[in-house]
Amino acid sequence: MATYFELVEASNNSPLITRIQVACAVAAEKIRTEAEATPNHANRVKWAKEAFEDPGQAAKGILWSVLAQNRAATLAVILGASDALVQTAVDAAVDAVAL
């Protein structure tokens, strides 16, 4: 289990932040083509537009959700997570930030 100090350390890890930026862009692309009947669609589209314009800012807004979702993992596991796991965590966090 990652300590809170280790989660803070992970929040400053450039490779992880970069991967979250890319995952935000991928999530935004999925949202761009989703059905209008998707719950929270209007807010999700707004978030997607902002994520395309500034993926770095989108990553900052979602970073702590991704870390909190994975708090039971060790720091090494968090930093070594596959792209698929990072994407899953970002996708799960979108509705929390797309308000």
N, C-alpha and C. Protein backbone atom coordinates (compact mmCIF):
# COMPACT_ATOMS: atom_id res chain seq x y z
N MET A 1 0.84 -1.18 0.00
CA MET A 1 0.00 0.00 0.00
C MET A 1 0.89 1.24 0.00
N ALA A 2 0.63 2.14 -0.92
CA ALA A 2 1.41 3.38 -0.99
C ALA A 2 1.06 4.28 0.19
N THR A 3 2.09 4.85 0.79
CA THR A 3 1.85 5.81 1.85
C THR A 3 1.39 7.13 1.22
N TYR A 4 0.85 7.99 2.03
CA TYR A 4 0.45 9.31 1.50
C TYR A 4 1.66 10.05 0.95
N PHE A 5 2.79 9.93 1.63
CA PHE A 5 4.01 10.56 1.14
C PHE A 5 4.37 10.02 -0.25
N GLU A 6 4.24 8.71 -0.43
CA GLU A 6 4.54 8.11 -1.73
C GLU A 6 3.55 8.58 -2.79
N LEU A 7 2.29 8.78 -2.42
CA LEU A 7 1.32 9.29 -3.39
C LEU A 7 1.69 10.71 -3.81
N VAL A 8 2.17 11.50 -2.86
CA VAL A 8 2.65 12.85 -3.21
C VAL A 8 3.84 12.74 -4.15
N GLU A 9 4.73 11.82 -3.87
CA GLU A 9 5.88 11.58 -4.74
C GLU A 9 5.41 11.20 -6.15
N ALA A 10 4.41 10.34 -6.24
CA ALA A 10 3.88 9.92 -7.54
C ALA A 10 3.24 11.09 -8.28
N SER A 11 2.66 12.03 -7.53
CA SER A 11 1.99 13.17 -8.17
C SER A 11 2.98 14.09 -8.87
N ASN A 12 4.27 13.94 -8.56
CA ASN A 12 5.31 14.74 -9.20
C ASN A 12 6.15 13.95 -10.19
N ASN A 13 5.70 12.74 -10.52
CA ASN A 13 6.45 11.87 -11.42
C ASN A 13 6.13 12.23 -12.87
N SER A 14 7.08 12.83 -13.55
CA SER A 14 6.85 13.31 -14.92
C SER A 14 6.37 12.24 -15.89
N PRO A 15 6.97 11.04 -15.90
CA PRO A 15 6.47 10.02 -16.82
C PRO A 15 5.00 9.64 -16.55
N LEU A 16 4.63 9.56 -15.28
CA LEU A 16 3.23 9.23 -14.95
C LEU A 16 2.31 10.36 -15.39
N ILE A 17 2.69 11.58 -15.12
CA ILE A 17 1.87 12.73 -15.51
C ILE A 17 1.70 12.77 -17.03
N THR A 18 2.76 12.51 -17.76
CA THR A 18 2.69 12.48 -19.23
C THR A 18 1.72 11.40 -19.70
N ARG A 19 1.78 10.24 -19.08
CA ARG A 19 0.88 9.15 -19.46
C ARG A 19 -0.57 9.51 -19.15
N ILE A 20 -0.81 10.21 -18.05
CA ILE A 20 -2.16 10.64 -17.71
C ILE A 20 -2.64 11.69 -18.71
N GLN A 21 -1.75 12.56 -19.19
CA GLN A 21 -2.12 13.53 -20.22
C GLN A 21 -2.61 12.81 -21.48
N VAL A 22 -1.86 11.82 -21.91
CA VAL A 22 -2.25 11.06 -23.10
C VAL A 22 -3.57 10.35 -22.85
N ALA A 23 -3.73 9.76 -21.67
CA ALA A 23 -4.97 9.07 -21.34
C ALA A 23 -6.16 10.04 -21.34
N CYS A 24 -5.93 11.28 -20.93
CA CYS A 24 -6.99 12.29 -20.98
C CYS A 24 -7.39 12.58 -22.42
N ALA A 25 -6.41 12.68 -23.31
CA ALA A 25 -6.71 12.91 -24.73
C ALA A 25 -7.47 11.74 -25.32
N VAL A 26 -7.09 10.52 -24.95
CA VAL A 26 -7.80 9.33 -25.44
C VAL A 26 -9.23 9.31 -24.89
N ALA A 27 -9.40 9.63 -23.61
CA ALA A 27 -10.74 9.69 -23.03
C ALA A 27 -11.58 10.76 -23.72
N ALA A 28 -10.96 11.90 -24.02
CA ALA A 28 -11.68 12.97 -24.72
C ALA A 28 -12.14 12.52 -26.10
N GLU A 29 -11.30 11.77 -26.80
CA GLU A 29 -11.69 11.27 -28.12
C GLU A 29 -12.86 10.28 -28.01
N LYS A 30 -12.84 9.42 -27.01
CA LYS A 30 -13.96 8.50 -26.80
C LYS A 30 -15.25 9.28 -26.55
N ILE A 31 -15.15 10.33 -25.74
CA ILE A 31 -16.32 11.15 -25.42
C ILE A 31 -16.81 11.88 -26.67
N ARG A 32 -15.90 12.33 -27.51
CA ARG A 32 -16.28 13.06 -28.73
C ARG A 32 -17.22 12.23 -29.60
N THR A 33 -17.06 10.93 -29.58
CA THR A 33 -17.85 10.07 -30.46
C THR A 33 -18.93 9.27 -29.72
N GLU A 34 -19.12 9.55 -28.42
CA GLU A 34 -20.12 8.79 -27.68
C GLU A 34 -21.53 9.25 -28.02
N ALA A 35 -22.50 8.42 -27.70
CA ALA A 35 -23.90 8.74 -27.96
C ALA A 35 -24.35 9.91 -27.08
N GLU A 36 -25.20 10.73 -27.64
CA GLU A 36 -25.71 11.88 -26.89
C GLU A 36 -26.53 11.45 -25.68
N ALA A 37 -27.03 10.24 -25.69
CA ALA A 37 -27.83 9.72 -24.57
C ALA A 37 -26.97 9.27 -23.39
N THR A 38 -25.66 9.31 -23.54
CA THR A 38 -24.77 8.92 -22.45
C THR A 38 -25.01 9.84 -21.26
N PRO A 39 -25.15 9.27 -20.05
CA PRO A 39 -25.34 10.14 -18.88
C PRO A 39 -24.22 11.18 -18.75
N ASN A 40 -24.62 12.40 -18.39
CA ASN A 40 -23.69 13.51 -18.19
C ASN A 40 -22.98 13.92 -19.48
N HIS A 41 -23.59 13.61 -20.62
CA HIS A 41 -22.94 13.84 -21.92
C HIS A 41 -22.51 15.29 -22.12
N ALA A 42 -23.37 16.24 -21.85
CA ALA A 42 -23.03 17.65 -22.11
C ALA A 42 -21.79 18.08 -21.32
N ASN A 43 -21.73 17.70 -20.06
CA ASN A 43 -20.56 18.05 -19.25
C ASN A 43 -19.33 17.28 -19.69
N ARG A 44 -19.51 16.05 -20.12
CA ARG A 44 -18.39 15.25 -20.60
C ARG A 44 -17.81 15.86 -21.88
N VAL A 45 -18.68 16.32 -22.77
CA VAL A 45 -18.21 16.95 -24.02
C VAL A 45 -17.46 18.25 -23.70
N LYS A 46 -17.96 19.00 -22.74
CA LYS A 46 -17.27 20.23 -22.34
C LYS A 46 -15.88 19.88 -21.80
N TRP A 47 -15.81 18.86 -20.94
CA TRP A 47 -14.52 18.44 -20.41
C TRP A 47 -13.60 17.98 -21.53
N ALA A 48 -14.13 17.21 -22.48
CA ALA A 48 -13.32 16.71 -23.60
C ALA A 48 -12.73 17.85 -24.40
N LYS A 49 -13.54 18.86 -24.68
CA LYS A 49 -13.04 20.03 -25.43
C LYS A 49 -11.89 20.69 -24.68
N GLU A 50 -12.06 20.86 -23.38
CA GLU A 50 -11.00 21.46 -22.57
C GLU A 50 -9.77 20.57 -22.52
N ALA A 51 -9.98 19.26 -22.49
CA ALA A 51 -8.86 18.32 -22.46
C ALA A 51 -8.07 18.36 -23.76
N PHE A 52 -8.75 18.51 -24.88
CA PHE A 52 -8.06 18.63 -26.17
C PHE A 52 -7.25 19.93 -26.22
N GLU A 53 -7.81 21.01 -25.67
CA GLU A 53 -7.14 22.30 -25.71
C GLU A 53 -5.93 22.35 -24.78
N ASP A 54 -6.01 21.66 -23.64
CA ASP A 54 -4.92 21.70 -22.67
C ASP A 54 -4.84 20.38 -21.91
N PRO A 55 -4.25 19.36 -22.54
CA PRO A 55 -4.19 18.05 -21.86
C PRO A 55 -3.40 18.10 -20.55
N GLY A 56 -2.47 19.01 -20.44
CA GLY A 56 -1.72 19.14 -19.19
C GLY A 56 -2.62 19.57 -18.05
N GLN A 57 -3.50 20.52 -18.31
CA GLN A 57 -4.45 20.97 -17.29
C GLN A 57 -5.46 19.87 -16.97
N ALA A 58 -5.90 19.14 -17.99
CA ALA A 58 -6.83 18.03 -17.76
C ALA A 58 -6.18 16.98 -16.87
N ALA A 59 -4.91 16.70 -17.13
CA ALA A 59 -4.19 15.71 -16.32
C ALA A 59 -4.07 16.18 -14.87
N LYS A 60 -3.81 17.47 -14.67
CA LYS A 60 -3.73 18.00 -13.31
C LYS A 60 -5.06 17.81 -12.57
N GLY A 61 -6.15 18.00 -13.30
CA GLY A 61 -7.47 17.88 -12.70
C GLY A 61 -7.87 16.46 -12.36
N ILE A 62 -7.23 15.51 -12.97
CA ILE A 62 -7.63 14.10 -12.80
C ILE A 62 -6.57 13.29 -12.05
N LEU A 63 -5.38 13.83 -11.91
CA LEU A 63 -4.25 13.12 -11.31
C LEU A 63 -4.57 12.53 -9.94
N TRP A 64 -5.13 13.34 -9.06
CA TRP A 64 -5.36 12.86 -7.70
C TRP A 64 -6.44 11.79 -7.64
N SER A 65 -7.39 11.84 -8.54
CA SER A 65 -8.38 10.76 -8.59
C SER A 65 -7.71 9.46 -9.00
N VAL A 66 -6.83 9.53 -9.98
CA VAL A 66 -6.10 8.34 -10.43
C VAL A 66 -5.26 7.77 -9.29
N LEU A 67 -4.57 8.63 -8.57
CA LEU A 67 -3.74 8.17 -7.46
C LEU A 67 -4.60 7.58 -6.33
N ALA A 68 -5.70 8.25 -6.00
CA ALA A 68 -6.57 7.75 -4.94
C ALA A 68 -7.18 6.40 -5.30
N GLN A 69 -7.54 6.23 -6.57
CA GLN A 69 -8.09 4.94 -7.00
C GLN A 69 -7.09 3.81 -6.78
N ASN A 70 -5.82 4.12 -6.85
CA ASN A 70 -4.77 3.10 -6.79
C ASN A 70 -3.98 3.12 -5.49
N ARG A 71 -4.53 3.73 -4.46
CA ARG A 71 -3.82 3.89 -3.19
C ARG A 71 -3.46 2.57 -2.52
N ALA A 72 -4.15 1.50 -2.84
CA ALA A 72 -3.85 0.20 -2.23
C ALA A 72 -2.63 -0.47 -2.87
N ALA A 73 -2.19 0.06 -4.00
CA ALA A 73 -1.01 -0.49 -4.69
C ALA A 73 0.25 0.13 -4.11
N THR A 74 1.36 -0.51 -4.35
CA THR A 74 2.64 0.08 -3.94
C THR A 74 3.02 1.19 -4.91
N LEU A 75 3.94 2.02 -4.50
CA LEU A 75 4.42 3.08 -5.38
C LEU A 75 4.99 2.49 -6.66
N ALA A 76 5.74 1.42 -6.55
CA ALA A 76 6.33 0.79 -7.73
C ALA A 76 5.25 0.32 -8.70
N VAL A 77 4.19 -0.24 -8.18
CA VAL A 77 3.09 -0.71 -9.04
C VAL A 77 2.39 0.48 -9.70
N ILE A 78 2.17 1.55 -8.95
CA ILE A 78 1.52 2.74 -9.51
C ILE A 78 2.36 3.32 -10.65
N LEU A 79 3.65 3.49 -10.39
CA LEU A 79 4.53 4.09 -11.40
C LEU A 79 4.76 3.15 -12.59
N GLY A 80 4.61 1.86 -12.37
CA GLY A 80 4.83 0.89 -13.44
C GLY A 80 3.55 0.39 -14.09
N ALA A 81 2.43 1.04 -13.80
CA ALA A 81 1.14 0.60 -14.34
C ALA A 81 1.16 0.63 -15.87
N SER A 82 0.46 -0.32 -16.45
CA SER A 82 0.36 -0.36 -17.91
C SER A 82 -0.46 0.81 -18.41
N ASP A 83 -0.31 1.11 -19.70
CA ASP A 83 -1.12 2.17 -20.31
C ASP A 83 -2.60 1.85 -20.15
N ALA A 84 -2.97 0.58 -20.28
CA ALA A 84 -4.37 0.19 -20.16
C ALA A 84 -4.91 0.48 -18.76
N LEU A 85 -4.11 0.23 -17.73
CA LEU A 85 -4.56 0.52 -16.37
C LEU A 85 -4.67 2.02 -16.12
N VAL A 86 -3.73 2.79 -16.65
CA VAL A 86 -3.81 4.24 -16.52
C VAL A 86 -5.07 4.75 -17.22
N GLN A 87 -5.34 4.22 -18.41
CA GLN A 87 -6.53 4.64 -19.16
C GLN A 87 -7.80 4.31 -18.40
N THR A 88 -7.86 3.13 -17.82
CA THR A 88 -9.04 2.73 -17.05
C THR A 88 -9.27 3.68 -15.88
N ALA A 89 -8.21 4.05 -15.18
CA ALA A 89 -8.33 4.96 -14.05
C ALA A 89 -8.79 6.35 -14.50
N VAL A 90 -8.23 6.84 -15.61
CA VAL A 90 -8.64 8.15 -16.13
C VAL A 90 -10.10 8.10 -16.57
N ASP A 91 -10.47 7.07 -17.30
CA ASP A 91 -11.86 6.95 -17.75
C ASP A 91 -12.82 6.94 -16.58
N ALA A 92 -12.45 6.27 -15.50
CA ALA A 92 -13.31 6.18 -14.32
C ALA A 92 -13.45 7.52 -13.61
N ALA A 93 -12.46 8.38 -13.76
CA ALA A 93 -12.47 9.67 -13.06
C ALA A 93 -13.16 10.79 -13.83
N VAL A 94 -13.39 10.60 -15.09
CA VAL A 94 -13.90 11.69 -15.93
C VAL A 94 -15.21 12.27 -15.38
N ASP A 95 -16.16 11.46 -15.03
CA ASP A 95 -17.43 12.01 -14.56
C ASP A 95 -17.30 12.79 -13.27
N ALA A 96 -16.30 12.48 -12.45
CA ALA A 96 -16.09 13.23 -11.22
C ALA A 96 -15.59 14.65 -11.49
N VAL A 97 -14.90 14.83 -12.61
CA VAL A 97 -14.37 16.16 -12.92
C VAL A 97 -15.17 16.87 -14.02
N ALA A 98 -15.98 16.13 -14.73
CA ALA A 98 -16.79 16.71 -15.80
C ALA A 98 -18.12 17.18 -15.22
N LEU A 99 -18.09 18.33 -14.58
CA LEU A 99 -19.29 18.86 -13.95
C LEU A 99 -19.77 20.12 -14.59
